[in-house]
């Protein structure tokens, strides 16, 4: 069984190079990242040689890898069809041989090999002596086996949930903390390291409890063997092996239940009729009501709004939270936050999908198209404006200059109007189908349309910044002026300016959409969610 599933996994890897161009590119990019991870991890671990905190730093890296294997199954569930127990439920297979085969298949591929090669850097950075190197190799193999067993247990236990609507919602919301952590590590951590706030000794306190976790057991076993304590090293490796055995036993039990339990995730739910608010206000009201319900009930919409908040904060986080505060960069946060409201909600036909074809039946006139785009903008402005302004005020408070929130508010209002107008223009001028890749909750451009997406993002960013430039200049000039000008003049003028930009974008988009309705419907029909 193990040999058969390993051959199946290898066949899937080979077939990826013989399928479509997009699959080839994805496979090559994934393989390149795996090689890069192996090289960087090996060099980082090898660089701990001679440091007093080498074992603590190794424990941290081992723990980070374990958390990566814990989160990855939820984010990319379904990518590897040989690991989904539902695909094997109808075959007369015994649980234990199947579990061994699935574990062997999980150990096959570039990423498990990259983990092993990268973590073997401890042989140069932490281990010393022949016994230390031998224990290091065994510890690395057990560490990778622990990560794989943990991920397989999580995947199998949550298999039915991850195929359901709640599981997709969970996977979607996981993007928010992951994106926030990415922005934190790329902006705040490097700045803190350069300023000396984070050093190798900063992780010493973590080792008091981290050494008793499975990754810490592996790291300290290497240290014990290198220091001439083979008994303690073997005991730590034995404890790690016992944890792996327990995880494997729990996985086998979970796998056995998954193979004999009926899948109820596709059962239909009861639908209750409800009056659509604002529908009595005509087409514009009906569109606004529909978009409002989507923003409140669709998980992907909530994810987009959360990402807008994270991006707004991340643009100026490194300057606001550094030693020398630069409150002026909050204006850049306002521009970026407003721009991404338009970016995330552009290409309305592709985002709506095949249902747009039904909507298109009611959009036969230019007046109807203007109502369609303005109804969307109304809802996005009602949500986006308070969100971006609130984040800017929070950044200003963190920078100990609350007045910058007042200067950022007109910039956010003007930028939001520009972004919504540009989003409408790109929706009509560059419609493209979108797809949801297996296991990924976010819609992406269909193969062959990546340039459309990139053009829309860059065009909206550049256009928003350019159109908001007059308001930015006025806000800077009026920063030290009286409140009557900053609040009584700047705010209403910026709001009117933003409304004018959005209205101009709606009119131009309606003209373009009237002549490109076949392309819009084609993009919607080819969208696969």
Protein backbone atom coordinates (compact mmCIF):
# COMPACT_ATOMS: atom_id res chain seq x y z
CA UNK A 1 0.00 0.00 0.00
CA UNK A 2 2.78 2.45 0.92
CA UNK A 3 4.66 1.75 -2.31
CA UNK A 4 1.49 2.21 -4.37
CA UNK A 5 0.60 5.57 -2.81
CA UNK A 6 4.17 6.83 -3.10
CA UNK A 7 4.15 5.94 -6.80
CA UNK A 8 0.81 7.71 -7.13
CA UNK A 9 2.24 10.83 -5.49
CA UNK A 10 5.26 10.77 -7.79
CA UNK A 11 2.99 10.32 -10.79
CA UNK A 12 0.98 13.39 -9.73
CA UNK A 13 4.18 15.39 -9.47
CA UNK A 14 5.32 14.28 -12.93
CA UNK A 15 1.91 14.96 -14.46
CA UNK A 16 2.07 18.52 -13.17
CA UNK A 17 4.86 19.15 -15.67
CA UNK A 18 2.76 17.74 -18.52
CA UNK A 19 -0.45 19.66 -17.87
CA UNK A 20 -1.34 23.29 -18.62
CA UNK A 21 1.16 26.12 -18.68
CA UNK A 22 -0.28 27.61 -15.51
CA UNK A 23 0.16 24.30 -13.69
CA UNK A 24 3.76 24.08 -14.93
CA UNK A 25 4.51 27.60 -13.75
CA UNK A 26 2.92 26.95 -10.35
CA UNK A 27 4.88 23.72 -9.97
CA UNK A 28 8.17 25.38 -10.91
CA UNK A 29 7.55 28.34 -8.60
CA UNK A 30 6.65 26.02 -5.73
CA UNK A 31 9.77 23.92 -6.35
CA UNK A 32 11.95 27.03 -6.51
CA UNK A 33 10.58 28.27 -3.19
CA UNK A 34 11.23 24.83 -1.67
CA UNK A 35 14.87 24.95 -2.82
CA UNK A 36 15.20 28.52 -1.54
CA UNK A 37 13.73 27.51 1.82
CA UNK A 38 16.18 24.61 2.14
CA UNK A 39 19.20 26.79 1.36
CA UNK A 40 18.21 29.72 3.58
CA UNK A 41 17.23 27.51 6.54
CA UNK A 42 20.47 25.52 6.28
CA UNK A 43 22.58 28.68 6.22
CA UNK A 44 20.67 30.29 9.09
CA UNK A 45 20.98 27.22 11.32
CA UNK A 46 24.62 26.75 10.39
CA UNK A 47 25.25 30.37 11.32
CA UNK A 48 24.38 29.66 14.96
CA UNK A 49 27.75 27.95 15.42
CA UNK A 50 29.51 29.22 18.52
CA UNK A 51 26.63 31.39 19.80
CA UNK A 52 25.59 31.06 23.42
CA UNK A 53 21.91 31.03 22.44
CA UNK A 54 22.22 28.57 19.55
CA UNK A 55 19.97 25.94 21.15
CA UNK A 56 17.28 28.53 21.95
CA UNK A 57 17.32 29.90 18.40
CA UNK A 58 17.19 26.36 16.99
CA UNK A 59 14.16 25.61 19.17
CA UNK A 60 12.45 28.73 17.83
CA UNK A 61 13.06 27.75 14.21
CA UNK A 62 11.91 24.17 14.82
CA UNK A 63 8.73 25.52 16.44
CA UNK A 64 8.10 27.89 13.53
CA UNK A 65 8.31 24.95 11.12
CA UNK A 66 5.85 22.98 13.27
CA UNK A 67 3.35 25.86 13.23
CA UNK A 68 3.77 26.14 9.47
CA UNK A 69 2.85 22.49 9.02
CA UNK A 70 -0.08 23.00 11.39
CA UNK A 71 -1.57 25.95 9.49
CA UNK A 72 -0.74 24.88 5.93
CA UNK A 73 -3.27 21.99 5.77
CA UNK A 74 -6.15 24.38 6.47
CA UNK A 75 -4.93 26.97 3.96
CA UNK A 76 -4.24 24.57 1.07
CA UNK A 77 -6.63 21.72 1.83
CA UNK A 78 -7.54 19.80 -1.29
CA UNK A 79 -4.36 20.50 -3.25
CA UNK A 80 -3.10 16.97 -2.69
CA UNK A 81 -6.00 14.66 -3.55
CA UNK A 82 -4.18 11.55 -2.30
CA UNK A 83 -4.39 12.89 1.25
CA UNK A 84 -8.15 13.50 1.37
CA UNK A 85 -9.74 10.41 3.01
CA UNK A 86 -13.02 11.08 1.18
CA UNK A 87 -11.40 10.08 -2.14
CA UNK A 88 -10.53 6.64 -0.72
CA UNK A 89 -13.66 5.94 1.30
CA UNK A 90 -15.24 3.64 -1.32
CA UNK A 91 -12.22 1.36 -1.66
CA UNK A 92 -11.95 -1.81 0.49
CA UNK A 93 -8.83 -0.66 2.31
CA UNK A 94 -7.82 -1.42 5.88
CA UNK A 95 -7.09 1.58 8.03
CA UNK A 96 -3.56 0.79 9.24
CA UNK A 97 -2.00 -0.01 5.82
CA UNK A 98 -3.78 3.01 4.40
CA UNK A 99 -2.39 5.24 7.16
CA UNK A 100 1.15 3.98 6.52
CA UNK A 101 0.72 4.60 2.80
CA UNK A 102 -0.66 8.11 3.30
CA UNK A 103 2.18 8.94 5.67
CA UNK A 104 4.73 7.69 3.15
CA UNK A 105 3.05 9.71 0.40
CA UNK A 106 3.12 12.78 2.64
CA UNK A 107 6.87 12.39 3.04
CA UNK A 108 7.28 12.38 -0.74
CA UNK A 109 7.81 15.64 -2.57
CA UNK A 110 9.96 18.75 -2.70
CA UNK A 111 8.67 20.40 0.48
CA UNK A 112 9.33 17.50 2.89
CA UNK A 113 12.77 17.07 1.32
CA UNK A 114 13.41 20.81 1.62
CA UNK A 115 12.49 20.65 5.29
CA UNK A 116 14.94 17.82 5.91
CA UNK A 117 17.80 19.47 4.01
CA UNK A 118 17.22 22.86 5.60
CA UNK A 119 16.96 21.58 9.16
CA UNK A 120 20.13 19.54 8.69
CA UNK A 121 21.91 22.85 9.12
CA UNK A 122 21.96 21.97 12.85
CA UNK A 123 24.73 19.47 12.07
CA UNK A 124 26.97 22.48 11.41
CA UNK A 125 25.42 25.07 13.72
CA UNK A 126 24.58 23.15 16.91
CA UNK A 127 26.01 19.63 16.85
CA UNK A 128 29.62 18.84 17.71
CA UNK A 129 31.39 15.50 17.73
CA UNK A 130 30.38 12.27 16.04
CA UNK A 131 27.62 11.45 18.52
CA UNK A 132 26.21 14.96 18.26
CA UNK A 133 26.01 14.74 14.45
CA UNK A 134 24.30 11.33 14.60
CA UNK A 135 21.76 12.57 17.13
CA UNK A 136 21.25 15.71 15.04
CA UNK A 137 20.35 13.66 11.96
CA UNK A 138 17.94 11.51 13.97
CA UNK A 139 16.41 14.59 15.63
CA UNK A 140 15.85 16.29 12.28
CA UNK A 141 14.14 13.21 10.86
CA UNK A 142 11.92 12.94 13.95
CA UNK A 143 11.17 16.67 13.79
CA UNK A 144 10.02 16.44 10.16
CA UNK A 145 8.05 13.26 10.93
CA UNK A 146 6.39 15.06 13.85
CA UNK A 147 5.42 17.97 11.58
CA UNK A 148 3.96 15.63 8.94
CA UNK A 149 2.06 13.54 11.50
CA UNK A 150 0.66 16.71 13.08
CA UNK A 151 -0.47 18.11 9.73
CA UNK A 152 -2.05 14.82 8.64
CA UNK A 153 -3.92 14.54 11.94
CA UNK A 154 -5.26 18.08 11.54
CA UNK A 155 -6.20 17.50 7.89
CA UNK A 156 -8.03 14.24 8.53
CA UNK A 157 -9.78 15.52 11.65
CA UNK A 158 -11.03 18.63 9.85
CA UNK A 159 -11.63 16.98 6.45
CA UNK A 160 -15.42 17.15 6.65
CA UNK A 161 -15.31 20.67 8.08
CA UNK A 162 -12.92 21.95 5.41
CA UNK A 163 -15.25 20.71 2.67
CA UNK A 164 -18.17 22.63 4.21
CA UNK A 165 -19.10 26.29 4.08
CA UNK A 166 -17.86 26.79 7.64
CA UNK A 167 -14.52 25.28 6.72
CA UNK A 168 -14.14 27.60 3.74
CA UNK A 169 -15.02 30.51 6.01
CA UNK A 170 -12.35 29.37 8.49
CA UNK A 171 -9.75 29.11 5.73
CA UNK A 172 -10.73 32.55 4.47
CA UNK A 173 -10.40 34.21 7.87
CA UNK A 174 -6.99 32.58 8.42
CA UNK A 175 -5.67 34.85 5.67
CA UNK A 176 -6.12 37.89 7.92
CA UNK A 177 -3.70 36.96 10.75
CA UNK A 178 -1.25 35.42 8.27
CA UNK A 179 -1.19 38.61 6.20
CA UNK A 180 -0.87 40.71 9.35
CA UNK A 181 2.03 38.55 10.56
CA UNK A 182 3.69 38.85 7.15
CA UNK A 183 3.47 42.64 7.24
CA UNK A 184 4.74 42.63 10.83
CA UNK A 185 7.78 40.51 10.04
CA UNK A 186 8.63 42.42 6.87
CA UNK A 187 8.37 45.91 8.37
CA UNK A 188 8.53 45.95 12.17
CA UNK A 189 10.96 43.07 12.83
CA UNK A 190 13.76 44.19 10.44
CA UNK A 191 13.54 47.72 11.82
CA UNK A 192 13.67 46.42 15.41
CA UNK A 193 16.68 44.24 14.58
CA UNK A 194 18.54 47.15 12.97
CA UNK A 195 17.86 49.30 16.05
CA UNK A 196 19.07 46.56 18.41
CA UNK A 197 15.70 45.91 20.02
CA UNK A 198 15.68 42.25 18.95
CA UNK A 199 18.87 40.27 19.51
CA UNK A 200 19.76 36.60 19.88
CA UNK A 201 19.37 36.95 23.64
CA UNK A 202 15.76 38.07 23.24
CA UNK A 203 14.68 34.44 22.81
CA UNK A 204 16.32 33.16 26.01
CA UNK A 205 13.18 33.47 28.09
CA UNK A 206 11.15 31.40 25.64
CA UNK A 207 13.37 28.39 26.18
CA UNK A 208 12.09 27.82 29.72
CA UNK A 209 8.86 26.39 28.31
CA UNK A 210 9.77 25.80 24.68
CA UNK A 211 12.28 23.08 25.60
CA UNK A 212 9.38 20.82 26.68
CA UNK A 213 7.57 21.08 23.35
CA UNK A 214 8.41 18.44 20.70
CA UNK A 215 10.55 20.87 18.62
CA UNK A 216 12.40 21.92 21.77
CA UNK A 217 13.01 18.28 22.69
CA UNK A 218 14.70 17.73 19.31
CA UNK A 219 16.91 20.82 19.63
CA UNK A 220 17.97 20.10 23.22
CA UNK A 221 18.68 16.45 22.40
CA UNK A 222 21.32 17.67 19.94
CA UNK A 223 22.77 19.97 22.57
CA UNK A 224 22.87 17.21 25.20
CA UNK A 225 24.59 14.78 22.83
CA UNK A 226 27.15 17.44 21.88
CA UNK A 227 27.87 18.15 25.57
CA UNK A 228 28.51 14.48 26.36
CA UNK A 229 25.13 13.56 27.88
CA UNK A 230 23.94 10.74 25.60
CA UNK A 231 21.47 9.36 28.16
CA UNK A 232 19.50 12.59 28.39
CA UNK A 233 19.68 13.02 24.60
CA UNK A 234 18.23 9.55 24.01
CA UNK A 235 15.50 10.24 26.60
CA UNK A 236 14.51 13.43 24.82
CA UNK A 237 14.42 11.67 21.45
CA UNK A 238 12.36 8.89 23.04
CA UNK A 239 9.85 11.44 24.35
CA UNK A 240 9.63 13.01 20.89
CA UNK A 241 9.10 9.58 19.32
CA UNK A 242 6.34 8.88 21.88
CA UNK A 243 4.57 12.11 20.91
CA UNK A 244 4.78 11.07 17.24
CA UNK A 245 3.32 7.65 18.08
CA UNK A 246 0.42 9.27 19.94
CA UNK A 247 -0.25 11.63 17.02
CA UNK A 248 -0.12 8.72 14.59
CA UNK A 249 -2.55 6.72 16.75
CA UNK A 250 -4.96 9.67 16.92
CA UNK A 251 -4.61 10.11 13.16
CA UNK A 252 -5.41 6.43 12.52
CA UNK A 253 -8.52 6.68 14.70
CA UNK A 254 -9.61 9.86 12.94
CA UNK A 255 -8.92 8.26 9.56
CA UNK A 256 -10.99 5.22 10.51
CA UNK A 257 -13.95 7.40 11.43
CA UNK A 258 -13.61 9.44 8.23
CA UNK A 259 -13.73 6.29 6.09
CA UNK A 260 -16.99 5.05 7.57
CA UNK A 261 -18.81 8.33 8.27
CA UNK A 262 -21.22 9.74 5.71
CA UNK A 263 -20.34 13.19 4.38
CA UNK A 264 -23.15 15.61 5.24
CA UNK A 265 -21.43 18.79 4.09
CA UNK A 266 -23.32 18.87 0.79
CA UNK A 267 -26.79 18.70 2.32
CA UNK A 268 -28.92 21.67 1.47
CA UNK A 269 -30.01 24.10 4.15
CA UNK A 270 -33.41 25.68 4.58
CA UNK A 271 -33.77 29.04 2.86
CA UNK A 272 -36.01 31.64 4.45
CA UNK A 273 -37.56 34.40 2.42
CA UNK A 274 -36.89 37.96 3.54
CA UNK A 275 -37.77 41.40 2.30
CA UNK A 276 -34.85 43.07 0.52
CA UNK A 277 -34.16 46.48 2.09
CA UNK A 278 -33.84 49.55 -0.15
CA UNK A 279 -35.41 47.59 -3.01
CA UNK A 280 -38.23 50.13 -3.17
CA UNK A 281 -35.78 52.84 -4.20
CA UNK A 282 -35.37 51.56 -7.73
CA UNK A 283 -32.47 49.81 -9.40
CA UNK A 284 -29.85 51.74 -7.45
CA UNK A 285 -31.46 50.74 -4.17
CA UNK A 286 -31.76 47.09 -5.22
CA UNK A 287 -28.08 46.95 -6.17
CA UNK A 288 -27.09 48.68 -2.93
CA UNK A 289 -29.20 46.23 -0.90
CA UNK A 290 -27.66 43.23 -2.66
CA UNK A 291 -24.11 44.50 -2.22
CA UNK A 292 -24.77 45.34 1.42
CA UNK A 293 -25.94 41.78 2.13
CA UNK A 294 -22.85 40.39 0.43
CA UNK A 295 -20.55 42.59 2.50
CA UNK A 296 -22.18 41.32 5.68
CA UNK A 297 -22.65 37.63 4.87
CA UNK A 298 -19.96 36.70 2.36
CA UNK A 299 -16.73 35.67 4.18
CA UNK A 300 -14.54 36.82 1.31
CA UNK A 301 -15.97 40.34 1.57
CA UNK A 302 -15.16 40.42 5.28
CA UNK A 303 -11.65 39.24 4.46
CA UNK A 304 -11.24 42.06 1.94
CA UNK A 305 -12.28 44.66 4.49
CA UNK A 306 -9.92 43.22 7.08
CA UNK A 307 -7.09 43.31 4.53
CA UNK A 308 -7.89 46.96 3.79
CA UNK A 309 -7.45 47.74 7.49
CA UNK A 310 -4.20 45.74 7.68
CA UNK A 311 -2.76 47.38 4.56
CA UNK A 312 -3.71 50.85 5.79
CA UNK A 313 -1.91 50.22 9.07
CA UNK A 314 1.05 48.40 7.53
CA UNK A 315 2.04 51.21 5.14
CA UNK A 316 3.18 53.47 7.97
CA UNK A 317 3.69 50.93 10.78
CA UNK A 318 7.48 50.88 10.55
CA UNK A 319 7.68 54.69 10.80
CA UNK A 320 4.94 55.21 13.37
CA UNK A 321 6.24 52.58 15.78
CA UNK A 322 9.93 53.32 15.32
CA UNK A 323 12.16 55.43 17.51
CA UNK A 324 11.56 58.56 15.44
CA UNK A 325 7.89 59.01 14.63
CA UNK A 326 6.97 60.35 11.20
CA UNK A 327 3.25 61.13 11.38
CA UNK A 328 3.26 62.46 7.82
CA UNK A 329 3.33 58.92 6.43
CA UNK A 330 -0.21 58.46 7.75
CA UNK A 331 -1.32 60.38 4.66
CA UNK A 332 0.24 57.61 2.58
CA UNK A 333 -1.71 55.07 4.63
CA UNK A 334 -4.93 56.93 3.81
CA UNK A 335 -4.12 56.81 0.09
CA UNK A 336 -3.22 53.12 0.09
CA UNK A 337 -6.22 52.13 2.20
CA UNK A 338 -8.62 54.01 -0.07
CA UNK A 339 -6.96 52.61 -3.20
CA UNK A 340 -7.31 49.01 -2.05
CA UNK A 341 -11.02 49.48 -1.43
CA UNK A 342 -11.31 50.08 -5.16
CA UNK A 343 -8.81 47.34 -6.05
CA UNK A 344 -10.52 44.60 -4.05
CA UNK A 345 -13.94 45.45 -5.46
CA UNK A 346 -13.01 46.10 -9.10
CA UNK A 347 -13.93 43.69 -11.91
CA UNK A 348 -17.51 43.51 -10.64
CA UNK A 349 -18.63 41.13 -13.41
CA UNK A 350 -15.91 38.61 -12.59
CA UNK A 351 -16.53 38.86 -8.85
CA UNK A 352 -20.28 38.37 -9.31
CA UNK A 353 -19.83 35.37 -11.58
CA UNK A 354 -22.55 33.81 -13.76
CA UNK A 355 -25.21 35.65 -11.75
CA UNK A 356 -24.11 38.85 -13.50
CA UNK A 357 -25.73 37.59 -16.70
CA UNK A 358 -29.12 37.81 -14.97
CA UNK A 359 -28.29 41.27 -13.71
CA UNK A 360 -27.23 42.32 -17.20
CA UNK A 361 -30.79 41.71 -18.39
CA UNK A 362 -31.84 44.77 -16.35
CA UNK A 363 -28.94 46.95 -17.52
CA UNK A 364 -30.01 47.81 -21.03
CA UNK A 365 -29.70 51.59 -20.76
CA UNK A 366 -26.94 53.94 -19.73
CA UNK A 367 -29.07 55.16 -16.85
CA UNK A 368 -29.37 51.62 -15.54
CA UNK A 369 -25.63 51.07 -15.73
CA UNK A 370 -25.00 54.30 -13.82
CA UNK A 371 -27.42 53.11 -11.16
CA UNK A 372 -25.63 49.76 -11.05
CA UNK A 373 -22.16 51.24 -10.45
CA UNK A 374 -23.34 54.00 -8.12
CA UNK A 375 -25.31 51.52 -6.00
CA UNK A 376 -22.13 49.52 -5.46
CA UNK A 377 -20.10 52.65 -4.68
CA UNK A 378 -22.65 53.80 -2.13
CA UNK A 379 -22.22 50.69 0.01
CA UNK A 380 -18.45 50.56 -0.39
CA UNK A 381 -18.16 54.20 0.65
CA UNK A 382 -20.40 53.73 3.69
CA UNK A 383 -18.11 50.91 4.91
CA UNK A 384 -14.75 51.98 3.53
CA UNK A 385 -14.68 55.63 4.62
CA UNK A 386 -15.19 55.02 8.37
CA UNK A 387 -12.82 52.05 8.27
CA UNK A 388 -9.88 53.86 6.65
CA UNK A 389 -10.44 57.01 8.72
CA UNK A 390 -10.60 54.99 11.96
CA UNK A 391 -7.31 53.21 11.16
CA UNK A 392 -5.66 56.56 10.34
CA UNK A 393 -6.80 58.02 13.67
CA UNK A 394 -5.46 54.93 15.46
CA UNK A 395 -2.09 55.37 13.73
CA UNK A 396 -2.08 59.06 14.65
CA UNK A 397 -2.77 58.18 18.28
CA UNK A 398 0.07 55.61 18.20
CA UNK A 399 2.37 58.28 16.79
CA UNK A 400 1.28 60.64 19.62
CA UNK A 401 -0.02 63.19 17.14
CA UNK A 402 -3.84 62.84 16.99
CA UNK A 403 -4.06 65.88 14.77
CA UNK A 404 -2.67 63.86 11.86
CA UNK A 405 -5.92 61.90 11.86
CA UNK A 406 -7.72 65.13 10.99
CA UNK A 407 -5.32 65.77 8.09
CA UNK A 408 -5.68 62.18 6.88
CA UNK A 409 -9.49 62.26 6.80
CA UNK A 410 -9.91 64.52 3.72
CA UNK A 411 -7.17 62.56 1.96
CA UNK A 412 -9.04 59.32 2.66
CA UNK A 413 -12.33 60.77 1.41
CA UNK A 414 -10.81 62.10 -1.81
CA UNK A 415 -8.79 58.92 -2.36
CA UNK A 416 -11.84 56.74 -1.78
CA UNK A 417 -13.83 58.62 -4.41
CA UNK A 418 -10.94 58.31 -6.87
CA UNK A 419 -10.46 54.60 -6.11
CA UNK A 420 -14.14 53.76 -6.54
CA UNK A 421 -14.32 55.67 -9.82
CA UNK A 422 -11.19 53.96 -11.12
CA UNK A 423 -12.51 50.60 -9.94
CA UNK A 424 -15.66 51.16 -11.97
CA UNK A 425 -13.58 52.12 -15.01
CA UNK A 426 -11.41 49.01 -14.82
CA UNK A 427 -14.52 46.87 -14.23
CA UNK A 428 -15.92 48.07 -17.55
CA UNK A 429 -12.69 48.42 -19.54
CA UNK A 430 -10.80 45.28 -18.47
CA UNK A 431 -13.29 42.59 -17.44
CA UNK A 432 -11.73 39.16 -16.86
CA UNK A 433 -12.89 35.82 -15.45
CA UNK A 434 -11.79 34.76 -12.01
CA UNK A 435 -11.27 31.34 -10.47
CA UNK A 436 -10.97 29.95 -6.98
CA UNK A 437 -8.07 27.54 -6.85
CA UNK A 438 -8.55 24.32 -4.96
CA UNK A 439 -8.09 24.89 -1.26
CA UNK A 440 -7.66 28.67 -1.67
CA UNK A 441 -10.54 30.87 -0.49
CA UNK A 442 -9.56 33.96 -2.52
CA UNK A 443 -10.62 34.49 -6.11
CA UNK A 444 -7.73 35.08 -8.50
CA UNK A 445 -7.47 35.96 -12.17
CA UNK A 446 -8.05 33.05 -14.52
CA UNK A 447 -5.02 31.68 -16.41
CA UNK A 448 -4.01 34.11 -19.14
CA UNK A 449 -5.56 37.15 -17.44
CA UNK A 450 -2.91 37.95 -14.85
CA UNK A 451 -1.89 41.08 -16.80
CA UNK A 452 -5.45 42.40 -16.47
CA UNK A 453 -5.27 42.04 -12.70
CA UNK A 454 -1.81 43.60 -12.43
CA UNK A 455 -2.83 46.48 -14.69
CA UNK A 456 -5.92 47.16 -12.60
CA UNK A 457 -3.96 47.13 -9.34
CA UNK A 458 -1.15 49.39 -10.55
CA UNK A 459 -3.52 51.69 -12.42
CA UNK A 460 -5.78 52.14 -9.41
CA UNK A 461 -2.85 52.75 -7.06
CA UNK A 462 -1.19 55.27 -9.34
CA UNK A 463 -4.46 56.95 -10.31
CA UNK A 464 -5.64 57.27 -6.71
CA UNK A 465 -2.34 58.82 -5.62
CA UNK A 466 -2.35 61.25 -8.56
CA UNK A 467 -5.98 62.31 -8.13
CA UNK A 468 -5.60 62.70 -4.37
CA UNK A 469 -2.39 64.76 -4.72
CA UNK A 470 -4.17 68.17 -4.61
CA UNK A 471 -5.89 67.23 -1.35
CA UNK A 472 -2.61 65.92 0.09
CA UNK A 473 -0.89 69.21 -0.74
CA UNK A 474 -3.76 71.21 0.78
CA UNK A 475 -3.72 69.03 3.93
CA UNK A 476 0.03 69.59 4.37
CA UNK A 477 -0.31 73.35 3.89
CA UNK A 478 -3.24 73.55 6.31
CA UNK A 479 -1.66 71.24 8.93
CA UNK A 480 -0.72 74.14 11.24
CA UNK A 481 -3.73 76.27 10.36
CA UNK A 482 -6.86 76.92 12.40
CA UNK A 483 -9.41 74.17 12.97
CA UNK A 484 -12.00 76.13 11.03
CA UNK A 485 -9.98 75.56 7.85
CA UNK A 486 -8.83 72.01 8.65
CA UNK A 487 -12.29 70.78 9.58
CA UNK A 488 -14.81 73.31 8.31
CA UNK A 489 -13.29 73.79 4.85
CA UNK A 490 -11.01 70.85 4.06
CA UNK A 491 -13.42 68.07 5.00
CA UNK A 492 -16.45 69.21 2.97
CA UNK A 493 -14.30 70.22 0.00
CA UNK A 494 -12.53 66.86 -0.01
CA UNK A 495 -15.84 65.02 0.29
CA UNK A 496 -17.29 66.96 -2.65
CA UNK A 497 -14.12 66.37 -4.67
CA UNK A 498 -14.20 62.65 -3.94
CA UNK A 499 -17.89 62.49 -4.85
CA UNK A 500 -17.15 64.25 -8.14
CA UNK A 501 -14.38 61.78 -8.95
CA UNK A 502 -16.62 58.81 -8.17
CA UNK A 503 -19.47 60.28 -10.23
CA UNK A 504 -17.15 60.87 -13.18
CA UNK A 505 -15.90 57.31 -12.94
CA UNK A 506 -19.49 56.01 -12.86
CA UNK A 507 -20.44 57.92 -16.00
CA UNK A 508 -17.36 56.85 -17.94
CA UNK A 509 -17.74 53.26 -16.78
CA UNK A 510 -21.40 53.22 -17.82
CA UNK A 511 -20.47 54.36 -21.33
CA UNK A 512 -17.78 51.72 -21.64
CA UNK A 513 -19.97 48.97 -20.20
CA UNK A 514 -22.77 49.72 -22.65
CA UNK A 515 -20.43 48.90 -25.54
CA UNK A 516 -18.67 45.99 -23.82
CA UNK A 517 -21.60 44.12 -22.33
CA UNK A 518 -20.74 40.90 -24.27
CA UNK A 519 -17.22 40.92 -22.79
CA UNK A 520 -18.63 41.52 -19.31
CA UNK A 521 -21.04 38.60 -19.63
CA UNK A 522 -18.30 36.38 -21.04
CA UNK A 523 -16.02 37.18 -18.11
CA UNK A 524 -18.85 36.42 -15.68
CA UNK A 525 -19.76 33.13 -17.35
CA UNK A 526 -16.17 31.89 -17.32
CA UNK A 527 -15.72 32.71 -13.62
CA UNK A 528 -15.54 29.50 -11.59
CA UNK A 529 -15.98 29.82 -7.84
